[in-house]
Amino acid sequence: MDHRSALDSALRSPFVFALCQPGAEPVVREEMLAHGLSPSFSAPGFVTAKAKTALSLRELPRLVFGRRVCLSLADVVDGDAFARAHGARLHREAGDDRGAPVEPGELAVTMVVRGRPFCGVHVGAPGLSRDPCGDARLEVPPAAPSRAWLKLEEAARVFPLPLSAGDGVVEVGCAPGGMTRALLDRGAFVVGVDRNAMDPRIVAETRFRHLRASARHVEASLVPGVWPAPVRMLVVDVNLPPNSALSAVSSIARAVRPTLRAALFTLKLGDWRLVSELPHWRGRIERMLGMTTTATQLPSNRQELTVFAAPA
């Protein structure tokens, strides 16, 4: 048994903690209950729970609204020493030196303080943020017209976005162009669908075309032919309830599906109680695109969540 396997077997604890968006704690508690955990202490952006039996690192649940889920080590006080002893990354929630990104298969130690210090561990894996505490704390650059830029950049740090320079992207709900800026900076040819005005800096880009109409009123069959580059990615971020948003984009989704490699949906909740409908929304996306989905709440998501779709 190698060191990593031995460590995975040795590190066991019935205690778990999750870092989340402040305000999402009740949703995280419900997710924990669904995984057989008993939630206990919570504070803004932080929820603890206990399992019926000790869990290993491999048994940690994945939570949609938990941006970092850790096995909590109640007997570890010095996280720095523990990380050095086990060759792990050390991540801190506070301070200037929060630590370096964790790679898949790499052990990370996370230190947070909520009244007292908590020390947790997790293993990097595809579909999990690589950043300390699940948040890179990115700043919107001056060239981006809105904070929607963050949604694409944060998603790229969690999901394997299959986007190369020269690829075509259809972005539904593009105005004023925050996410469009991030796509253009990756070399994409972007078709933006939105009835609202775009930032003039985005309009001036030679690799951008604006179809100024709502998704329901666009002739979907014409969208794939706006650029000679095949449409490889569909991005949806419209200010509608999830079911309405999925209905509005369905015709465009069917039109671009033959060449699509992935899709990224931002779903607006408006009410945390709507989270119970997430399996239904994911099912609609999977049937619409013929892909599998993964859902998470990115740091820049407010009362919303992100669904990534890709071939199985």
Protein backbone atom coordinates (compact mmCIF):
# COMPACT_ATOMS: atom_id res chain seq x y z
CA MET A 1 0.00 0.00 0.00
CA ASP A 2 1.48 3.37 -1.04
CA HIS A 3 1.62 6.42 1.24
CA ARG A 4 -1.49 8.05 -0.25
CA SER A 5 -3.61 4.90 0.05
CA ALA A 6 -2.37 4.33 3.60
CA LEU A 7 -3.19 7.93 4.50
CA ASP A 8 -6.65 7.67 2.97
CA SER A 9 -7.28 4.61 5.13
CA ALA A 10 -5.81 6.11 8.29
CA LEU A 11 -7.55 9.48 8.12
CA ARG A 12 -11.00 8.79 9.43
CA SER A 13 -13.41 11.03 11.30
CA PRO A 14 -17.16 11.22 11.88
CA PHE A 15 -16.95 15.01 11.64
CA VAL A 16 -17.37 17.04 8.45
CA PHE A 17 -17.45 20.73 7.68
CA ALA A 18 -18.46 22.65 4.59
CA LEU A 19 -17.68 26.17 3.43
CA CYS A 20 -20.44 27.81 1.44
CA GLN A 21 -21.95 31.06 0.23
CA PRO A 22 -23.17 33.12 3.22
CA GLY A 23 -26.93 32.66 3.20
CA ALA A 24 -26.80 29.15 1.73
CA GLU A 25 -26.29 27.43 5.11
CA PRO A 26 -29.89 26.06 5.31
CA VAL A 27 -29.50 24.48 1.86
CA VAL A 28 -26.16 22.93 2.85
CA ARG A 29 -27.78 21.52 6.00
CA GLU A 30 -30.50 19.90 3.87
CA GLU A 31 -27.85 18.41 1.55
CA MET A 32 -25.97 17.03 4.54
CA LEU A 33 -29.14 15.42 5.87
CA ALA A 34 -29.74 13.82 2.48
CA HIS A 35 -26.26 12.25 2.74
CA GLY A 36 -27.00 10.79 6.18
CA LEU A 37 -25.11 13.47 8.13
CA SER A 38 -26.47 15.26 11.19
CA PRO A 39 -25.80 19.02 10.91
CA SER A 40 -24.74 20.76 14.10
CA PHE A 41 -22.91 24.09 14.42
CA SER A 42 -23.22 26.68 11.69
CA ALA A 43 -22.04 30.24 11.13
CA PRO A 44 -22.10 32.49 8.06
CA GLY A 45 -20.54 30.51 5.22
CA PHE A 46 -19.80 27.48 7.42
CA VAL A 47 -21.70 24.32 8.47
CA THR A 48 -20.51 21.34 10.52
CA ALA A 49 -22.04 17.88 10.70
CA LYS A 50 -21.48 14.43 12.15
CA ALA A 51 -21.81 11.03 10.48
CA LYS A 52 -23.09 7.93 12.22
CA THR A 53 -19.71 6.26 11.73
CA ALA A 54 -16.22 7.55 10.93
CA LEU A 55 -15.75 8.49 7.28
CA SER A 56 -12.65 8.18 5.12
CA LEU A 57 -11.52 10.80 2.62
CA ARG A 58 -13.03 8.73 -0.18
CA GLU A 59 -16.41 8.79 1.55
CA LEU A 60 -16.71 12.56 1.78
CA PRO A 61 -19.97 13.63 0.11
CA ARG A 62 -20.04 16.14 -2.72
CA LEU A 63 -22.43 18.98 -2.01
CA VAL A 64 -23.79 21.30 -4.70
CA PHE A 65 -23.77 24.27 -2.33
CA GLY A 66 -20.63 23.32 -0.40
CA ARG A 67 -17.74 25.00 -2.19
CA ARG A 68 -15.32 23.05 0.02
CA VAL A 69 -16.24 19.93 1.99
CA CYS A 70 -13.65 18.55 4.41
CA LEU A 71 -13.16 15.73 6.83
CA SER A 72 -12.83 17.61 10.12
CA LEU A 73 -9.92 16.52 12.33
CA ALA A 74 -10.88 17.40 15.88
CA ASP A 75 -7.53 16.33 17.34
CA VAL A 76 -5.36 18.39 14.95
CA VAL A 77 -4.44 21.83 16.29
CA ASP A 78 -1.43 22.73 14.16
CA GLY A 79 -2.60 22.43 10.54
CA ASP A 80 0.74 23.71 9.23
CA ALA A 81 2.67 20.92 10.96
CA PHE A 82 0.12 18.33 9.84
CA ALA A 83 0.41 19.47 6.21
CA ARG A 84 4.22 19.31 6.31
CA ALA A 85 4.17 15.85 7.87
CA HIS A 86 1.94 14.45 5.15
CA GLY A 87 3.20 16.42 2.14
CA ALA A 88 -0.12 18.21 1.79
CA ARG A 89 -1.12 21.65 0.54
CA LEU A 90 -2.06 24.08 3.30
CA HIS A 91 -5.06 26.29 2.62
CA ARG A 92 -6.18 29.15 4.83
CA GLU A 93 -9.45 31.02 4.63
CA ALA A 94 -7.93 34.27 5.89
CA GLY A 95 -4.72 36.17 5.22
CA ASP A 96 -2.66 37.10 2.19
CA ASP A 97 -0.95 33.70 1.83
CA ARG A 98 -3.98 31.43 1.42
CA GLY A 99 -2.02 28.66 -0.28
CA ALA A 100 -1.52 27.25 -3.78
CA PRO A 101 -4.14 25.38 -5.84
CA VAL A 102 -4.47 21.67 -5.18
CA GLU A 103 -4.12 19.18 -8.03
CA PRO A 104 -6.29 16.07 -8.54
CA GLY A 105 -5.18 13.33 -6.15
CA GLU A 106 -3.31 15.78 -3.93
CA LEU A 107 -4.11 16.12 -0.23
CA ALA A 108 -5.07 19.56 1.05
CA VAL A 109 -5.38 20.79 4.63
CA THR A 110 -7.88 23.61 5.15
CA MET A 111 -7.74 25.88 8.21
CA VAL A 112 -10.71 28.06 9.11
CA VAL A 113 -11.71 29.92 12.24
CA ARG A 114 -15.29 30.20 13.50
CA GLY A 115 -14.92 31.13 17.14
CA ARG A 116 -12.20 28.45 17.32
CA PRO A 117 -9.90 26.91 14.70
CA PHE A 118 -11.15 24.04 12.55
CA CYS A 119 -8.77 21.82 10.60
CA GLY A 120 -10.09 19.80 7.68
CA VAL A 121 -8.70 17.65 4.87
CA HIS A 122 -9.85 16.72 1.39
CA VAL A 123 -8.31 15.29 -1.79
CA GLY A 124 -8.33 17.29 -5.02
CA ALA A 125 -10.49 15.78 -7.75
CA PRO A 126 -12.06 16.72 -11.09
CA GLY A 127 -15.20 18.76 -10.55
CA LEU A 128 -13.88 20.31 -7.33
CA SER A 129 -12.40 23.79 -7.13
CA ARG A 130 -8.60 23.70 -6.96
CA ASP A 131 -8.47 26.97 -5.04
CA PRO A 132 -8.05 27.50 -1.30
CA CYS A 133 -11.43 27.08 0.39
CA GLY A 134 -12.99 26.75 -3.06
CA ASP A 135 -12.62 30.42 -3.87
CA ALA A 136 -9.85 32.02 -5.95
CA ARG A 137 -11.11 35.50 -4.95
CA LEU A 138 -10.78 36.72 -8.50
CA GLU A 139 -11.21 40.40 -9.29
CA VAL A 140 -13.15 41.68 -12.30
CA PRO A 141 -10.72 43.36 -14.73
CA PRO A 142 -11.46 46.88 -16.03
CA ALA A 143 -12.04 45.49 -19.54
CA ALA A 144 -15.00 43.39 -18.37
CA PRO A 145 -18.34 45.24 -18.50
CA SER A 146 -19.88 43.26 -15.61
CA ARG A 147 -19.15 40.77 -12.85
CA ALA A 148 -20.54 37.98 -15.06
CA TRP A 149 -16.88 37.68 -16.16
CA LEU A 150 -16.33 35.89 -12.85
CA LYS A 151 -18.81 33.14 -13.69
CA LEU A 152 -16.85 31.93 -16.70
CA GLU A 153 -13.46 32.29 -15.03
CA GLU A 154 -14.58 30.49 -11.87
CA ALA A 155 -16.27 27.74 -13.87
CA ALA A 156 -13.02 27.20 -15.78
CA ARG A 157 -11.30 26.50 -12.45
CA VAL A 158 -13.81 23.77 -11.60
CA PHE A 159 -14.93 22.22 -14.89
CA PRO A 160 -12.91 21.10 -17.93
CA LEU A 161 -14.28 23.66 -20.36
CA PRO A 162 -13.47 22.24 -23.84
CA LEU A 163 -12.83 25.61 -25.42
CA SER A 164 -9.96 26.39 -27.77
CA ALA A 165 -9.04 29.50 -29.76
CA GLY A 166 -11.17 29.62 -32.91
CA ASP A 167 -14.13 27.71 -31.43
CA GLY A 168 -17.65 29.04 -31.77
CA VAL A 169 -19.75 29.86 -28.69
CA VAL A 170 -23.41 30.80 -28.42
CA GLU A 171 -24.11 32.91 -25.35
CA VAL A 172 -27.76 33.41 -24.42
CA GLY A 173 -28.22 36.30 -22.01
CA CYS A 174 -24.95 38.02 -22.91
CA ALA A 175 -25.61 41.70 -22.07
CA PRO A 176 -23.73 43.79 -21.18
CA GLY A 177 -20.83 41.44 -21.96
CA GLY A 178 -19.00 40.34 -18.81
CA MET A 179 -18.88 36.66 -19.68
CA THR A 180 -18.49 37.55 -23.35
CA ARG A 181 -15.23 39.30 -22.47
CA ALA A 182 -13.90 36.12 -20.86
CA LEU A 183 -14.91 34.03 -23.89
CA LEU A 184 -13.32 36.45 -26.35
CA ASP A 185 -10.12 36.48 -24.31
CA ARG A 186 -9.97 32.71 -24.88
CA GLY A 187 -10.05 33.26 -28.63
CA ALA A 188 -13.68 32.23 -29.16
CA PHE A 189 -16.03 33.48 -31.87
CA VAL A 190 -19.14 34.48 -29.91
CA VAL A 191 -22.75 34.83 -31.00
CA GLY A 192 -24.56 36.75 -28.27
CA VAL A 193 -28.35 36.50 -27.93
CA ASP A 194 -29.93 39.22 -25.79
CA ARG A 195 -32.52 41.92 -26.35
CA ASN A 196 -30.55 44.33 -24.18
CA ALA A 197 -27.64 46.51 -25.32
CA MET A 198 -24.05 45.34 -25.19
CA ASP A 199 -21.10 47.35 -23.95
CA PRO A 200 -19.60 49.27 -26.93
CA ARG A 201 -16.19 47.70 -26.28
CA ILE A 202 -17.68 44.24 -26.85
CA VAL A 203 -19.64 45.33 -29.92
CA ALA A 204 -16.39 46.57 -31.46
CA GLU A 205 -14.79 43.12 -31.22
CA THR A 206 -14.40 41.43 -34.61
CA ARG A 207 -15.17 37.99 -33.14
CA PHE A 208 -18.52 39.01 -31.68
CA ARG A 209 -21.97 39.16 -33.28
CA HIS A 210 -25.05 40.37 -31.41
CA LEU A 211 -28.51 38.99 -32.18
CA ARG A 212 -30.55 41.61 -30.38
CA ALA A 213 -33.65 39.65 -29.49
CA SER A 214 -34.85 37.33 -26.75
CA ALA A 215 -33.97 33.66 -27.17
CA ARG A 216 -37.61 32.80 -27.91
CA HIS A 217 -37.71 35.20 -30.88
CA VAL A 218 -34.44 34.19 -32.59
CA GLU A 219 -34.63 31.95 -35.65
CA ALA A 220 -32.69 29.12 -34.02
CA SER A 221 -31.70 27.40 -37.27
CA LEU A 222 -29.69 30.46 -38.32
CA VAL A 223 -27.60 30.66 -35.14
CA PRO A 224 -25.01 27.93 -35.98
CA GLY A 225 -24.22 29.62 -39.30
CA VAL A 226 -23.37 33.08 -37.95
CA TRP A 227 -19.70 32.04 -37.83
CA PRO A 228 -17.93 29.44 -39.98
CA ALA A 229 -16.46 28.00 -36.76
CA PRO A 230 -18.59 25.15 -35.37
CA VAL A 231 -20.42 25.92 -32.13
CA ARG A 232 -18.55 24.03 -29.41
CA MET A 233 -20.09 25.57 -26.33
CA LEU A 234 -23.47 26.93 -25.23
CA VAL A 235 -23.57 29.45 -22.37
CA VAL A 236 -26.89 30.44 -20.78
CA ASP A 237 -27.38 33.15 -18.16
CA VAL A 238 -30.84 34.70 -18.50
CA ASN A 239 -32.86 36.58 -15.91
CA LEU A 240 -35.72 34.08 -15.82
CA PRO A 241 -36.78 31.31 -13.43
CA PRO A 242 -35.03 28.04 -14.32
CA ASN A 243 -37.95 26.31 -16.04
CA SER A 244 -38.72 29.40 -18.11
CA ALA A 245 -35.04 29.82 -18.99
CA LEU A 246 -34.73 26.21 -20.18
CA SER A 247 -37.88 26.53 -22.28
CA ALA A 248 -36.63 29.77 -23.83
CA VAL A 249 -33.30 28.30 -24.89
CA SER A 250 -34.53 24.86 -26.02
CA SER A 251 -34.78 25.69 -29.76
CA ILE A 252 -31.28 27.19 -29.87
CA ALA A 253 -29.93 24.23 -27.89
CA ARG A 254 -31.35 21.77 -30.41
CA ALA A 255 -29.90 23.79 -33.30
CA VAL A 256 -26.33 23.76 -31.94
CA ARG A 257 -26.40 20.29 -30.37
CA PRO A 258 -24.75 18.42 -33.30
CA THR A 259 -21.36 20.14 -32.84
CA LEU A 260 -21.59 20.94 -29.12
CA ARG A 261 -18.92 19.78 -26.68
CA ALA A 262 -20.26 21.37 -23.49
CA ALA A 263 -22.75 23.83 -22.03
CA LEU A 264 -22.76 26.10 -19.01
CA PHE A 265 -26.05 27.20 -17.43
CA THR A 266 -26.50 29.78 -14.67
CA LEU A 267 -29.88 29.09 -13.07
CA LYS A 268 -31.53 31.85 -11.03
CA LEU A 269 -33.26 30.64 -7.89
CA GLY A 270 -34.84 33.69 -6.30
CA ASP A 271 -36.03 31.40 -3.50
CA TRP A 272 -33.85 28.80 -1.79
CA ARG A 273 -36.84 26.45 -1.63
CA LEU A 274 -36.58 25.96 -5.40
CA VAL A 275 -33.39 23.93 -4.86
CA SER A 276 -35.57 20.83 -4.49
CA GLU A 277 -36.30 21.11 -8.24
CA LEU A 278 -32.63 20.81 -9.24
CA PRO A 279 -32.91 17.12 -10.29
CA HIS A 280 -35.76 18.12 -12.63
CA TRP A 281 -33.74 20.97 -14.17
CA ARG A 282 -30.71 18.76 -14.65
CA GLY A 283 -32.89 16.13 -16.28
CA ARG A 284 -34.26 18.70 -18.73
CA ILE A 285 -30.75 19.83 -19.67
CA GLU A 286 -29.54 16.24 -20.08
CA ARG A 287 -32.45 15.35 -22.37
CA MET A 288 -32.09 18.61 -24.30
CA LEU A 289 -28.39 18.11 -25.04
CA GLY A 290 -27.82 14.38 -24.69
CA MET A 291 -25.17 15.06 -22.04
CA THR A 292 -24.58 14.44 -18.36
CA THR A 293 -24.58 17.31 -15.87
CA THR A 294 -22.78 18.47 -12.75
CA ALA A 295 -24.09 21.25 -10.53
CA THR A 296 -22.28 23.57 -8.14
CA GLN A 297 -22.54 27.01 -6.63
CA LEU A 298 -19.60 29.15 -7.71
CA PRO A 299 -18.25 31.89 -5.41
CA SER A 300 -19.74 34.61 -7.65
CA ASN A 301 -23.16 32.93 -7.75
CA ARG A 302 -25.55 34.73 -5.47
CA GLN A 303 -28.98 33.12 -5.15
CA GLU A 304 -28.22 30.99 -8.18
CA LEU A 305 -26.22 27.95 -9.20
CA THR A 306 -24.19 26.69 -12.15
CA VAL A 307 -24.84 23.52 -14.15
CA PHE A 308 -22.13 22.17 -16.46
CA ALA A 309 -23.12 19.72 -19.19
CA ALA A 310 -20.72 17.51 -21.17
CA PRO A 311 -20.80 14.14 -22.94
CA ALA A 312 -20.69 11.15 -20.59
